[in-house]
Structure formats: C-alpha cells, structure tokens
Amino acid sequence: MTFFRSDQSISPTPDKLSRTDYFQILTSVLMVILGITILFGSLRENIMLMPLFVGGGFLALGLYRLNFVIKYFKGKRKCNHR
C-alpha cells in the first residue's frame, strides 16, 4: 500500500538554500576533513581502535551528508535544463 504516487515527491526541493543549509554543508565538509585527519593520525602512530572508529564515523557521516548535497545540486541542474 503506497500513499504517494511514483511521480509525487515526499518533500519538494526548495528553490533557494538557507543559511542553515550552508552551515550544514560547511560542517559536513569539516567532518570529512576531521575524519581523514583522525584516521591518518591514528595510522601514523600506534593503531588503536577508538581513533579508527571516531575518524571512520566522522568520515562516513560527512560523506553521507554530502551525498544529499550532491543530489540536491544535480536535481537543481536537471530542473534548470528543462
């Protein structure tokens, strides 16, 4: 049982990003940078599990959030070409 038709979107794509959206994009990029830094720092020194989990978590969460940003801009570009 579906509540939405296949051509109906659950939430409409906004025309313009807000300051909060830009802040979240910035923090996502910083999460990726911090995750890479923690991972390389932990691999350079003694390999311990906690820095690997924390660095991997920051990296994964940052990339997951940036995935939505990329999808948003690809969708915007596709809508502008029509």
C-alpha atoms as a PDB file:
ATOM      1  CA  MET A   1       0.000   0.000   0.000  1.00  0.00           C
ATOM      2  CA  THR A   2       1.524   3.312  -1.024  1.00  0.00           C
ATOM      3  CA  PHE A   3       0.394   6.741  -0.008  1.00  0.00           C
ATOM      4  CA  PHE A   4       2.281   8.597  -2.730  1.00  0.00           C
ATOM      5  CA  ARG A   5       2.182   8.165  -6.459  1.00  0.00           C
ATOM      6  CA  SER A   6       5.518   7.414  -8.098  1.00  0.00           C
ATOM      7  CA  ASP A   7       5.591  10.875  -9.711  1.00  0.00           C
ATOM      8  CA  GLN A   8       4.782  12.641  -6.434  1.00  0.00           C
ATOM      9  CA  SER A   9       7.691  13.692  -4.258  1.00  0.00           C
ATOM     10  CA  ILE A  10       7.513  13.370  -0.484  1.00  0.00           C
ATOM     11  CA  SER A  11       9.071  16.784   0.071  1.00  0.00           C
ATOM     12  CA  PRO A  12       9.515  19.464  -2.570  1.00  0.00           C
ATOM     13  CA  THR A  13      13.006  20.684  -3.359  1.00  0.00           C
ATOM     14  CA  PRO A  14      13.488  24.255  -2.149  1.00  0.00           C
ATOM     15  CA  ASP A  15      14.413  26.887  -4.714  1.00  0.00           C
ATOM     16  CA  LYS A  16      16.994  28.562  -2.518  1.00  0.00           C
ATOM     17  CA  LEU A  17      19.233  27.298   0.285  1.00  0.00           C
ATOM     18  CA  SER A  18      19.028  28.968   3.677  1.00  0.00           C
ATOM     19  CA  ARG A  19      21.858  29.952   6.000  1.00  0.00           C
ATOM     20  CA  THR A  20      21.225  26.793   7.996  1.00  0.00           C
ATOM     21  CA  ASP A  21      21.690  24.684   4.867  1.00  0.00           C
ATOM     22  CA  TYR A  22      25.001  26.380   4.087  1.00  0.00           C
ATOM     23  CA  PHE A  23      26.113  25.868   7.701  1.00  0.00           C
ATOM     24  CA  GLN A  24      25.277  22.166   7.479  1.00  0.00           C
ATOM     25  CA  ILE A  25      27.179  21.865   4.184  1.00  0.00           C
ATOM     26  CA  LEU A  26      30.195  23.515   5.833  1.00  0.00           C
ATOM     27  CA  THR A  27      30.045  21.209   8.858  1.00  0.00           C
ATOM     28  CA  SER A  28      29.760  18.185   6.552  1.00  0.00           C
ATOM     29  CA  VAL A  29      32.930  19.198   4.721  1.00  0.00           C
ATOM     30  CA  LEU A  30      34.664  19.779   8.056  1.00  0.00           C
ATOM     31  CA  MET A  31      33.542  16.331   9.267  1.00  0.00           C
ATOM     32  CA  VAL A  32      35.202  14.724   6.243  1.00  0.00           C
ATOM     33  CA  ILE A  33      38.424  16.682   6.831  1.00  0.00           C
ATOM     34  CA  LEU A  34      38.425  15.871  10.551  1.00  0.00           C
ATOM     35  CA  GLY A  35      37.703  12.195   9.892  1.00  0.00           C
ATOM     36  CA  ILE A  36      40.594  11.914   7.426  1.00  0.00           C
ATOM     37  CA  THR A  37      42.898  13.736   9.845  1.00  0.00           C
ATOM     38  CA  ILE A  38      41.990  11.429  12.738  1.00  0.00           C
ATOM     39  CA  LEU A  39      42.381   8.315  10.580  1.00  0.00           C
ATOM     40  CA  PHE A  40      45.789   9.316   9.228  1.00  0.00           C
ATOM     41  CA  GLY A  41      46.938  10.399  12.677  1.00  0.00           C
ATOM     42  CA  SER A  42      45.899   7.103  14.215  1.00  0.00           C
ATOM     43  CA  LEU A  43      47.524   5.072  11.436  1.00  0.00           C
ATOM     44  CA  ARG A  44      50.766   7.039  11.707  1.00  0.00           C
ATOM     45  CA  GLU A  45      51.092   6.331  15.434  1.00  0.00           C
ATOM     46  CA  ASN A  46      50.104   3.178  17.278  1.00  0.00           C
ATOM     47  CA  ILE A  47      46.999   1.669  15.718  1.00  0.00           C
ATOM     48  CA  MET A  48      44.188   1.866  18.276  1.00  0.00           C
ATOM     49  CA  LEU A  49      40.512   1.090  17.812  1.00  0.00           C
ATOM     50  CA  MET A  50      38.926   4.223  19.281  1.00  0.00           C
ATOM     51  CA  PRO A  51      40.563   6.715  16.873  1.00  0.00           C
ATOM     52  CA  LEU A  52      39.737   4.411  13.961  1.00  0.00           C
ATOM     53  CA  PHE A  53      36.072   4.277  14.981  1.00  0.00           C
ATOM     54  CA  VAL A  54      35.827   8.014  15.651  1.00  0.00           C
ATOM     55  CA  GLY A  55      37.679   9.002  12.474  1.00  0.00           C
ATOM     56  CA  GLY A  56      35.719   6.498  10.403  1.00  0.00           C
ATOM     57  CA  GLY A  57      32.478   7.716  11.943  1.00  0.00           C
ATOM     58  CA  PHE A  58      33.212  11.356  11.150  1.00  0.00           C
ATOM     59  CA  LEU A  59      34.270  10.438   7.618  1.00  0.00           C
ATOM     60  CA  ALA A  60      31.206   8.261   6.985  1.00  0.00           C
ATOM     61  CA  LEU A  61      28.740  10.800   8.424  1.00  0.00           C
ATOM     62  CA  GLY A  62      30.312  13.675   6.492  1.00  0.00           C
ATOM     63  CA  LEU A  63      30.222  11.743   3.215  1.00  0.00           C
ATOM     64  CA  TYR A  64      26.647  10.626   3.886  1.00  0.00           C
ATOM     65  CA  ARG A  65      25.533  14.226   4.407  1.00  0.00           C
ATOM     66  CA  LEU A  66      27.480  15.480   1.371  1.00  0.00           C
ATOM     67  CA  ASN A  67      25.743  12.831  -0.718  1.00  0.00           C
ATOM     68  CA  PHE A  68      22.457  14.682  -0.155  1.00  0.00           C
ATOM     69  CA  VAL A  69      24.073  17.981  -1.129  1.00  0.00           C
ATOM     70  CA  ILE A  70      25.348  16.491  -4.388  1.00  0.00           C
ATOM     71  CA  LYS A  71      21.913  15.018  -5.144  1.00  0.00           C
ATOM     72  CA  TYR A  72      20.304  18.407  -4.469  1.00  0.00           C
ATOM     73  CA  PHE A  73      22.597  20.261  -6.873  1.00  0.00           C
ATOM     74  CA  LYS A  74      22.258  17.558  -9.554  1.00  0.00           C
ATOM     75  CA  GLY A  75      18.477  17.831  -9.242  1.00  0.00           C
ATOM     76  CA  LYS A  76      18.650  21.624  -9.476  1.00  0.00           C
ATOM     77  CA  ARG A  77      20.815  21.427 -12.583  1.00  0.00           C
ATOM     78  CA  LYS A  78      18.426  18.914 -14.162  1.00  0.00           C
ATOM     79  CA  CYS A  79      15.431  21.169 -13.432  1.00  0.00           C
ATOM     80  CA  ASN A  80      17.201  24.219 -14.909  1.00  0.00           C
ATOM     81  CA  HIS A  81      17.891  22.441 -18.202  1.00  0.00           C
ATOM     82  CA  ARG A  82      14.223  21.672 -18.838  1.00  0.00           C
END
